[in-house]
N, C-alpha and C. Protein backbone atom coordinates (compact mmCIF):
# COMPACT_ATOMS: atom_id res chain seq x y z
N MET A 1 39.83 -24.61 29.96
CA MET A 1 38.87 -22.89 30.35
C MET A 1 38.42 -22.36 29.39
N LYS A 2 39.02 -22.96 28.29
CA LYS A 2 38.53 -22.39 26.75
C LYS A 2 36.82 -22.85 26.83
N LYS A 3 36.66 -23.84 26.93
CA LYS A 3 35.26 -24.29 26.50
C LYS A 3 34.56 -23.77 27.82
N LEU A 4 34.73 -23.65 29.45
CA LEU A 4 34.08 -22.87 30.39
C LEU A 4 33.67 -21.60 29.54
N ILE A 5 34.65 -21.01 29.54
CA ILE A 5 34.22 -19.52 29.03
C ILE A 5 32.89 -19.45 27.62
N VAL A 6 33.91 -20.46 26.97
CA VAL A 6 32.04 -20.17 26.30
C VAL A 6 31.05 -20.66 26.32
N ILE A 7 30.64 -21.67 26.87
CA ILE A 7 29.47 -22.14 27.80
C ILE A 7 28.92 -20.43 28.35
N LEU A 8 29.74 -20.08 29.41
CA LEU A 8 30.08 -19.40 29.81
C LEU A 8 28.87 -17.31 29.06
N LEU A 9 29.61 -17.78 28.13
CA LEU A 9 29.36 -16.74 26.89
C LEU A 9 27.65 -17.17 26.39
N LEU A 10 28.10 -18.27 25.84
CA LEU A 10 26.74 -18.59 25.14
C LEU A 10 25.60 -18.50 26.21
N ILE A 11 25.43 -18.76 27.53
CA ILE A 11 24.63 -18.37 28.28
C ILE A 11 24.25 -17.17 28.68
N MET A 12 25.12 -16.16 28.52
CA MET A 12 24.94 -14.99 28.89
C MET A 12 23.91 -14.17 27.56
N ILE A 13 24.58 -14.85 26.53
CA ILE A 13 24.06 -14.24 24.88
C ILE A 13 22.48 -14.63 25.04
N THR A 14 22.04 -15.82 25.75
CA THR A 14 20.60 -16.59 25.90
C THR A 14 19.78 -15.98 26.67
N VAL A 15 20.27 -15.65 27.84
CA VAL A 15 19.56 -14.76 28.81
C VAL A 15 19.50 -13.68 28.06
N SER A 16 20.33 -12.29 27.78
CA SER A 16 19.91 -11.28 27.19
C SER A 16 18.96 -11.28 26.29
N CYS A 17 18.78 -12.22 25.33
CA CYS A 17 18.25 -12.21 24.00
C CYS A 17 16.50 -12.48 24.58
N ASN A 18 16.03 -13.59 25.52
CA ASN A 18 15.34 -13.39 26.03
C ASN A 18 14.34 -12.63 26.76
N SER A 19 15.77 -11.65 27.42
CA SER A 19 14.93 -10.48 28.45
C SER A 19 14.06 -9.82 27.38
N GLN A 20 14.29 -9.40 26.06
CA GLN A 20 13.73 -8.69 25.47
C GLN A 20 13.09 -9.09 24.72
N LYS A 21 12.48 -10.09 24.92
CA LYS A 21 11.44 -11.07 24.18
C LYS A 21 9.68 -10.18 24.17
N ALA A 22 9.44 -10.00 25.93
CA ALA A 22 8.49 -9.78 26.45
C ALA A 22 8.20 -8.16 25.69
N TYR A 23 9.21 -7.20 25.32
CA TYR A 23 9.06 -5.97 24.10
C TYR A 23 8.65 -6.34 23.04
N SER A 24 8.41 -7.58 22.28
CA SER A 24 8.31 -7.69 20.99
C SER A 24 7.01 -9.07 21.20
N ASP A 25 6.68 -8.95 22.50
CA ASP A 25 5.95 -10.38 22.03
C ASP A 25 4.23 -9.96 23.06
N PHE A 26 3.91 -8.82 21.77
CA PHE A 26 2.42 -8.57 22.21
C PHE A 26 1.56 -8.79 21.19
N ASP A 27 0.35 -8.28 21.65
CA ASP A 27 -0.78 -7.92 20.22
C ASP A 27 -1.19 -6.74 20.72
N ILE A 28 -0.86 -5.81 21.71
CA ILE A 28 -1.12 -4.31 22.26
C ILE A 28 0.01 -3.74 22.90
N SER A 29 0.57 -2.39 22.43
CA SER A 29 1.48 -1.82 23.14
C SER A 29 1.12 0.12 23.11
N TYR A 30 1.61 0.06 24.44
CA TYR A 30 1.34 1.74 24.86
C TYR A 30 2.84 1.96 25.90
N SER A 31 3.64 3.26 24.72
CA SER A 31 4.70 3.68 25.49
C SER A 31 5.03 4.67 25.19
N LYS A 32 5.46 5.62 26.73
CA LYS A 32 5.69 6.68 26.76
C LYS A 32 7.01 7.09 27.04
N SER A 33 7.52 8.05 26.43
CA SER A 33 9.06 7.91 26.39
C SER A 33 9.64 8.88 26.08
N GLY A 34 10.96 9.47 26.93
CA GLY A 34 11.54 10.73 25.93
C GLY A 34 11.47 11.90 27.17
N GLY A 35 11.65 13.24 26.80
CA GLY A 35 11.58 14.51 27.71
C GLY A 35 13.06 14.83 28.04
N TYR A 36 12.58 16.21 28.41
CA TYR A 36 14.02 16.50 29.30
C TYR A 36 14.77 16.18 30.24
N ALA A 37 13.53 15.23 31.80
CA ALA A 37 14.27 14.35 32.56
C ALA A 37 13.40 13.23 31.63
N PRO A 38 14.03 12.10 31.07
CA PRO A 38 13.80 11.44 30.44
C PRO A 38 12.78 10.23 30.90
N ILE A 39 11.63 9.97 30.74
CA ILE A 39 10.55 8.78 31.66
C ILE A 39 10.66 7.53 30.13
N TYR A 40 10.25 6.63 30.97
CA TYR A 40 9.81 5.42 29.95
C TYR A 40 8.68 4.28 30.41
N GLU A 41 7.71 4.48 29.98
CA GLU A 41 6.08 3.96 30.34
C GLU A 41 5.98 2.92 29.50
N ASN A 42 6.03 1.72 29.81
CA ASN A 42 5.27 0.49 28.44
C ASN A 42 4.21 -0.35 29.14
N LEU A 43 3.02 -0.31 28.76
CA LEU A 43 2.16 -1.15 28.84
C LEU A 43 2.03 -2.06 27.80
N LEU A 44 2.08 -3.47 28.29
CA LEU A 44 2.23 -4.38 26.82
C LEU A 44 0.90 -5.33 27.22
N ILE A 45 0.37 -5.44 26.18
CA ILE A 45 -0.99 -6.53 26.61
C ILE A 45 -0.79 -7.87 25.91
N LYS A 46 -0.52 -8.35 25.84
CA LYS A 46 -0.71 -10.24 25.27
C LYS A 46 -1.92 -11.12 25.73
N GLY A 47 -2.80 -10.92 24.57
CA GLY A 47 -4.14 -11.79 25.46
C GLY A 47 -4.50 -11.20 26.59
N ASN A 48 -4.65 -11.34 27.81
CA ASN A 48 -5.36 -10.83 28.93
C ASN A 48 -4.41 -10.43 29.76
N ASP A 49 -3.42 -10.77 29.48
CA ASP A 49 -2.10 -10.84 30.40
C ASP A 49 -1.57 -9.16 30.13
N VAL A 50 -0.98 -8.58 31.36
CA VAL A 50 -0.50 -7.48 31.02
C VAL A 50 0.68 -6.99 31.65
N GLN A 51 1.74 -6.52 31.19
CA GLN A 51 2.81 -6.50 31.55
C GLN A 51 3.25 -4.70 31.98
N TYR A 52 3.07 -3.95 32.80
CA TYR A 52 3.45 -2.36 32.99
C TYR A 52 4.87 -2.28 33.78
N SER A 53 5.61 -0.90 33.23
CA SER A 53 6.82 -0.96 33.45
C SER A 53 6.92 0.67 33.34
N PHE A 54 7.55 1.56 34.35
CA PHE A 54 7.49 2.99 34.48
C PHE A 54 9.15 2.71 34.99
N GLU A 55 9.81 3.45 34.29
CA GLU A 55 11.23 4.10 34.39
C GLU A 55 11.28 5.57 34.01
N GLY A 56 11.88 6.20 35.83
CA GLY A 56 12.21 7.89 35.41
C GLY A 56 12.17 8.89 36.67
N GLN A 57 12.58 9.89 36.61
CA GLN A 57 12.17 10.33 37.85
C GLN A 57 12.77 9.67 39.38
N GLN A 58 14.02 9.00 39.19
CA GLN A 58 14.56 8.48 39.88
C GLN A 58 13.72 7.09 40.76
N LYS A 59 12.88 6.90 39.88
CA LYS A 59 11.67 5.52 40.22
C LYS A 59 11.90 4.78 39.07
N LYS A 60 11.79 3.57 39.60
CA LYS A 60 11.99 2.42 38.59
C LYS A 60 10.90 1.53 39.19
N PHE A 61 9.36 0.91 38.53
CA PHE A 61 8.61 0.11 38.67
C PHE A 61 8.21 -0.84 38.08
N LYS A 62 7.80 -2.10 38.32
CA LYS A 62 7.16 -3.37 37.20
C LYS A 62 6.43 -3.50 38.45
N THR A 63 5.00 -4.02 36.96
CA THR A 63 4.26 -4.57 37.56
C THR A 63 3.19 -5.68 36.54
N THR A 64 2.60 -6.51 37.00
CA THR A 64 1.35 -7.73 35.76
C THR A 64 0.44 -7.78 36.57
N PHE A 65 -0.85 -7.66 35.59
CA PHE A 65 -1.84 -7.66 35.67
C PHE A 65 -2.67 -8.10 35.05
N LYS A 66 -3.48 -8.99 34.97
CA LYS A 66 -4.72 -9.29 33.90
C LYS A 66 -6.02 -8.50 33.69
N LEU A 67 -6.42 -7.85 32.44
CA LEU A 67 -7.72 -7.74 32.03
C LEU A 67 -8.75 -8.76 31.63
N SER A 68 -10.14 -7.86 31.58
CA SER A 68 -10.91 -9.21 31.22
C SER A 68 -11.47 -9.08 29.89
N ASN A 69 -12.22 -10.01 29.38
CA ASN A 69 -12.30 -9.96 27.83
C ASN A 69 -12.87 -8.31 27.61
N GLU A 70 -13.95 -8.16 28.95
CA GLU A 70 -14.65 -6.88 28.43
C GLU A 70 -13.74 -5.76 28.36
N GLU A 71 -12.67 -6.21 29.12
CA GLU A 71 -11.62 -4.55 29.18
C GLU A 71 -11.55 -4.68 27.72
N ILE A 72 -10.51 -5.73 27.27
CA ILE A 72 -10.38 -5.99 26.18
C ILE A 72 -10.62 -5.48 24.64
N GLN A 73 -12.10 -6.08 24.67
CA GLN A 73 -13.03 -6.04 23.71
C GLN A 73 -13.31 -4.16 23.80
N ASN A 74 -13.26 -3.62 25.11
CA ASN A 74 -13.79 -1.61 25.15
C ASN A 74 -12.64 -1.02 24.60
N LEU A 75 -11.27 -1.45 24.71
CA LEU A 75 -9.98 -0.89 24.19
C LEU A 75 -10.29 -1.26 22.71
N ASN A 76 -10.45 -2.42 22.28
CA ASN A 76 -10.62 -2.25 21.21
C ASN A 76 -11.55 -1.51 19.98
N GLN A 77 -13.12 -1.45 20.63
CA GLN A 77 -14.04 -0.81 20.55
C GLN A 77 -13.80 0.75 20.37
N ILE A 78 -12.74 1.13 21.07
CA ILE A 78 -12.61 2.66 21.38
C ILE A 78 -11.06 3.02 20.08
N LEU A 79 -10.65 1.96 20.23
CA LEU A 79 -9.66 1.96 18.55
C LEU A 79 -10.26 1.98 17.59
N THR A 80 -11.25 1.20 17.26
CA THR A 80 -12.10 1.40 16.48
C THR A 80 -13.24 2.52 15.88
N GLN A 81 -13.69 2.99 16.81
CA GLN A 81 -14.42 4.09 17.35
C GLN A 81 -13.84 5.49 16.89
N ASN A 82 -12.46 5.39 17.06
CA ASN A 82 -11.60 6.80 16.80
C ASN A 82 -10.23 6.16 15.67
N ASN A 83 -11.18 5.47 14.71
CA ASN A 83 -10.16 5.12 13.32
C ASN A 83 -9.05 5.22 13.42
N PHE A 84 -8.27 4.50 14.56
CA PHE A 84 -6.68 4.20 14.86
C PHE A 84 -6.07 4.21 13.82
N ARG A 85 -6.50 3.07 12.70
CA ARG A 85 -5.47 3.08 11.62
C ARG A 85 -5.25 4.48 10.96
N HIS A 86 -6.22 5.59 10.98
CA HIS A 86 -6.56 6.57 9.86
C HIS A 86 -5.99 7.83 10.84
N ILE A 87 -5.49 7.63 11.46
CA ILE A 87 -4.92 9.18 12.46
C ILE A 87 -3.52 9.18 11.87
N VAL A 88 -3.71 10.66 11.39
CA VAL A 88 -2.54 11.27 10.55
C VAL A 88 -1.55 11.77 11.36
N GLU A 89 -0.29 11.34 11.04
CA GLU A 89 0.92 12.02 12.10
C GLU A 89 1.67 12.79 11.04
N ASP A 90 2.17 14.04 11.78
CA ASP A 90 2.99 14.98 11.04
C ASP A 90 4.34 14.25 10.92
N HIS A 91 4.81 14.66 9.91
CA HIS A 91 6.13 14.77 9.22
C HIS A 91 7.46 15.08 9.74
N LYS A 92 7.02 16.05 10.58
CA LYS A 92 7.86 17.04 11.15
C LYS A 92 9.10 16.29 12.45
N LYS A 93 10.08 16.67 12.81
CA LYS A 93 10.64 16.18 13.96
C LYS A 93 10.76 16.73 15.01
N ILE A 94 10.15 16.42 16.41
CA ILE A 94 10.63 17.14 17.63
C ILE A 94 10.47 16.49 18.30
N TYR A 95 12.09 17.22 18.92
CA TYR A 95 13.19 16.26 20.09
C TYR A 95 12.60 16.87 21.59
N ASP A 96 13.00 15.97 22.20
CA ASP A 96 13.14 16.41 23.65
C ASP A 96 11.78 16.77 24.46
N ARG A 97 10.67 15.66 23.73
CA ARG A 97 9.33 16.10 24.24
C ARG A 97 9.04 14.30 24.46
N ILE A 98 8.14 14.25 25.71
CA ILE A 98 7.52 12.92 26.10
C ILE A 98 6.84 12.62 24.89
N ALA A 99 6.65 11.48 23.98
CA ALA A 99 6.53 11.13 22.57
C ALA A 99 5.43 9.80 23.21
N VAL A 100 4.07 9.32 22.54
CA VAL A 100 3.68 8.50 23.02
C VAL A 100 3.25 7.57 21.86
N SER A 101 3.64 6.51 22.08
CA SER A 101 3.76 4.77 21.15
C SER A 101 2.76 4.24 21.09
N ILE A 102 1.81 3.88 20.01
CA ILE A 102 0.85 2.74 20.33
C ILE A 102 0.83 1.79 19.24
N ASN A 103 0.94 0.62 19.18
CA ASN A 103 0.89 -0.60 18.14
C ASN A 103 -0.10 -1.47 18.40
N VAL A 104 -0.48 -1.93 16.96
CA VAL A 104 -1.88 -2.84 17.73
C VAL A 104 -1.15 -4.07 16.39
N LYS A 105 -0.57 -5.19 16.40
CA LYS A 105 -0.40 -6.00 15.82
C LYS A 105 -1.47 -7.24 15.54
N ASN A 106 -2.39 -7.04 15.97
CA ASN A 106 -3.53 -8.11 15.02
C ASN A 106 -4.60 -7.52 14.85
N GLY A 107 -5.64 -7.97 13.94
CA GLY A 107 -7.13 -7.12 13.98
C GLY A 107 -7.44 -6.01 12.64
N GLU A 108 -8.77 -5.80 12.76
CA GLU A 108 -8.85 -5.00 12.14
C GLU A 108 -7.79 -3.04 12.31
N ASN A 109 -7.42 -3.20 13.82
CA ASN A 109 -6.93 -1.87 14.32
C ASN A 109 -5.69 -1.76 14.18
N SER A 110 -4.56 -3.03 12.99
CA SER A 110 -3.37 -3.52 13.40
C SER A 110 -2.80 -2.03 12.78
N ALA A 111 -1.99 -1.31 13.25
CA ALA A 111 -1.05 -0.24 12.52
C ALA A 111 -0.08 -0.36 13.93
N ASN A 112 0.80 1.10 13.52
CA ASN A 112 1.98 1.84 14.37
C ASN A 112 1.68 3.26 14.45
N LYS A 113 1.54 3.75 15.49
CA LYS A 113 0.95 5.03 15.43
C LYS A 113 1.72 5.64 16.65
N THR A 114 2.55 7.31 16.12
CA THR A 114 3.50 7.72 16.94
C THR A 114 2.85 9.81 17.04
N ASP A 115 2.74 9.95 18.12
CA ASP A 115 2.65 11.21 18.39
C ASP A 115 4.02 11.91 18.54
N ALA A 116 5.82 11.24 18.12
CA ALA A 116 6.94 11.65 18.26
C ALA A 116 6.95 13.24 17.17
N SER A 117 5.96 13.40 16.11
CA SER A 117 6.22 14.24 14.83
C SER A 117 4.94 15.33 15.28
N MET A 118 4.14 14.68 16.12
CA MET A 118 2.68 15.83 16.90
C MET A 118 1.85 14.66 15.68
N ILE A 119 1.03 14.85 15.61
CA ILE A 119 -0.79 14.11 15.23
C ILE A 119 -1.39 15.40 14.31
N LEU A 120 -1.46 15.17 13.59
CA LEU A 120 -2.41 16.50 12.39
C LEU A 120 -3.43 16.68 13.41
N PRO A 121 -3.79 18.27 13.35
CA PRO A 121 -5.59 18.59 13.71
C PRO A 121 -6.50 17.60 13.54
N GLN A 122 -6.50 17.52 12.55
CA GLN A 122 -8.25 16.41 12.20
C GLN A 122 -8.01 15.21 12.52
N SER A 123 -6.51 14.82 13.37
CA SER A 123 -6.45 13.17 13.85
C SER A 123 -6.53 13.43 15.72
N LYS A 124 -6.34 15.11 15.93
CA LYS A 124 -5.76 15.01 17.33
C LYS A 124 -7.25 14.33 18.37
N LYS A 125 -8.19 14.65 18.23
CA LYS A 125 -9.01 14.69 18.98
C LYS A 125 -9.68 12.85 19.22
N ASN A 126 -9.13 12.38 18.25
CA ASN A 126 -9.39 10.93 17.73
C ASN A 126 -8.21 10.06 19.08
N TRP A 127 -6.83 10.60 18.61
CA TRP A 127 -5.81 9.99 19.08
C TRP A 127 -5.98 10.53 20.68
N ASP A 128 -6.32 11.90 21.08
CA ASP A 128 -6.30 11.91 22.95
C ASP A 128 -7.25 10.93 23.28
N GLU A 129 -8.35 10.38 22.51
CA GLU A 129 -9.33 9.47 23.44
C GLU A 129 -8.88 7.78 23.50
N ILE A 130 -7.55 7.73 22.00
CA ILE A 130 -7.40 6.41 22.38
C ILE A 130 -6.31 6.56 23.58
N VAL A 131 -5.17 7.38 23.77
CA VAL A 131 -4.61 8.06 24.73
C VAL A 131 -5.10 7.62 26.01
N ASN A 132 -5.88 8.42 26.38
CA ASN A 132 -6.79 8.28 27.09
C ASN A 132 -7.27 6.83 27.69
N ALA A 133 -7.71 6.04 26.62
CA ALA A 133 -8.26 4.64 26.85
C ALA A 133 -6.96 4.05 28.11
N PHE A 134 -5.60 4.32 27.07
CA PHE A 134 -5.03 3.49 27.83
C PHE A 134 -4.62 3.85 29.30
N GLN A 135 -4.22 5.29 29.98
CA GLN A 135 -4.30 5.85 30.47
C GLN A 135 -4.91 5.47 31.64
N ASP A 136 -6.56 5.27 31.54
CA ASP A 136 -7.70 4.96 32.44
C ASP A 136 -7.13 3.23 32.62
N ILE A 137 -6.59 2.37 31.77
CA ILE A 137 -6.40 0.96 32.14
C ILE A 137 -5.06 1.34 33.34
N ILE A 138 -4.13 1.94 33.19
CA ILE A 138 -2.92 2.32 34.09
C ILE A 138 -3.64 2.89 35.23
N SER A 139 -4.18 3.65 35.52
CA SER A 139 -4.68 3.91 36.55
C SER A 139 -5.25 3.37 37.66
N LYS A 140 -6.20 2.28 36.81
CA LYS A 140 -7.04 1.85 37.46
C LYS A 140 -6.60 0.49 37.73
N ASN A 141 -5.35 -0.31 37.30
CA ASN A 141 -4.57 -1.02 37.58
C ASN A 141 -3.48 -0.83 38.08
N VAL A 142 -2.60 -0.12 38.42
CA VAL A 142 -1.26 -0.07 38.41
C VAL A 142 -1.45 1.09 40.06
N LYS A 143 -0.94 0.40 41.37
CA LYS A 143 -1.12 0.68 42.65
C LYS A 143 0.22 1.97 41.91
N ASN A 144 -0.27 3.07 42.33
CA ASN A 144 1.04 3.99 42.06
C ASN A 144 1.73 4.23 43.12
N THR A 145 3.03 3.41 42.62
CA THR A 145 3.91 4.17 43.72
C THR A 145 5.15 4.83 43.48
N GLN A 146 4.86 5.60 42.08
CA GLN A 146 5.50 6.36 41.44
C GLN A 146 5.69 8.14 42.25
């Protein structure tokens, strides 16, 4: 009986660890979360494969799709043109608002930026251009059931 319990426990631990792998195995991620009525929106890009999920406003939605090489190249070009690595975040903490985080793991644009503490004025236009690029990907590829 003890062996059965140990085996079941090991299986549960293994399964729970693998379910989080999708949230760490990506090249580029876009995440939007928080607020008074919290929402959680994730766009994870690995190669040309994309996983999208949305949870909030009493709705839950997940889908996968593919981006073309041109779309990936265009996204990287937007990151480069808007100096993603050099965007300056403010250090003041702001709570109870929806924050956007973007994480690029590879290449010349590799960095992790968030507007959770706001973006300084000199970087605001560049940040908005980058966020709009991700929102365009979502609006073009996700059939909005929200």
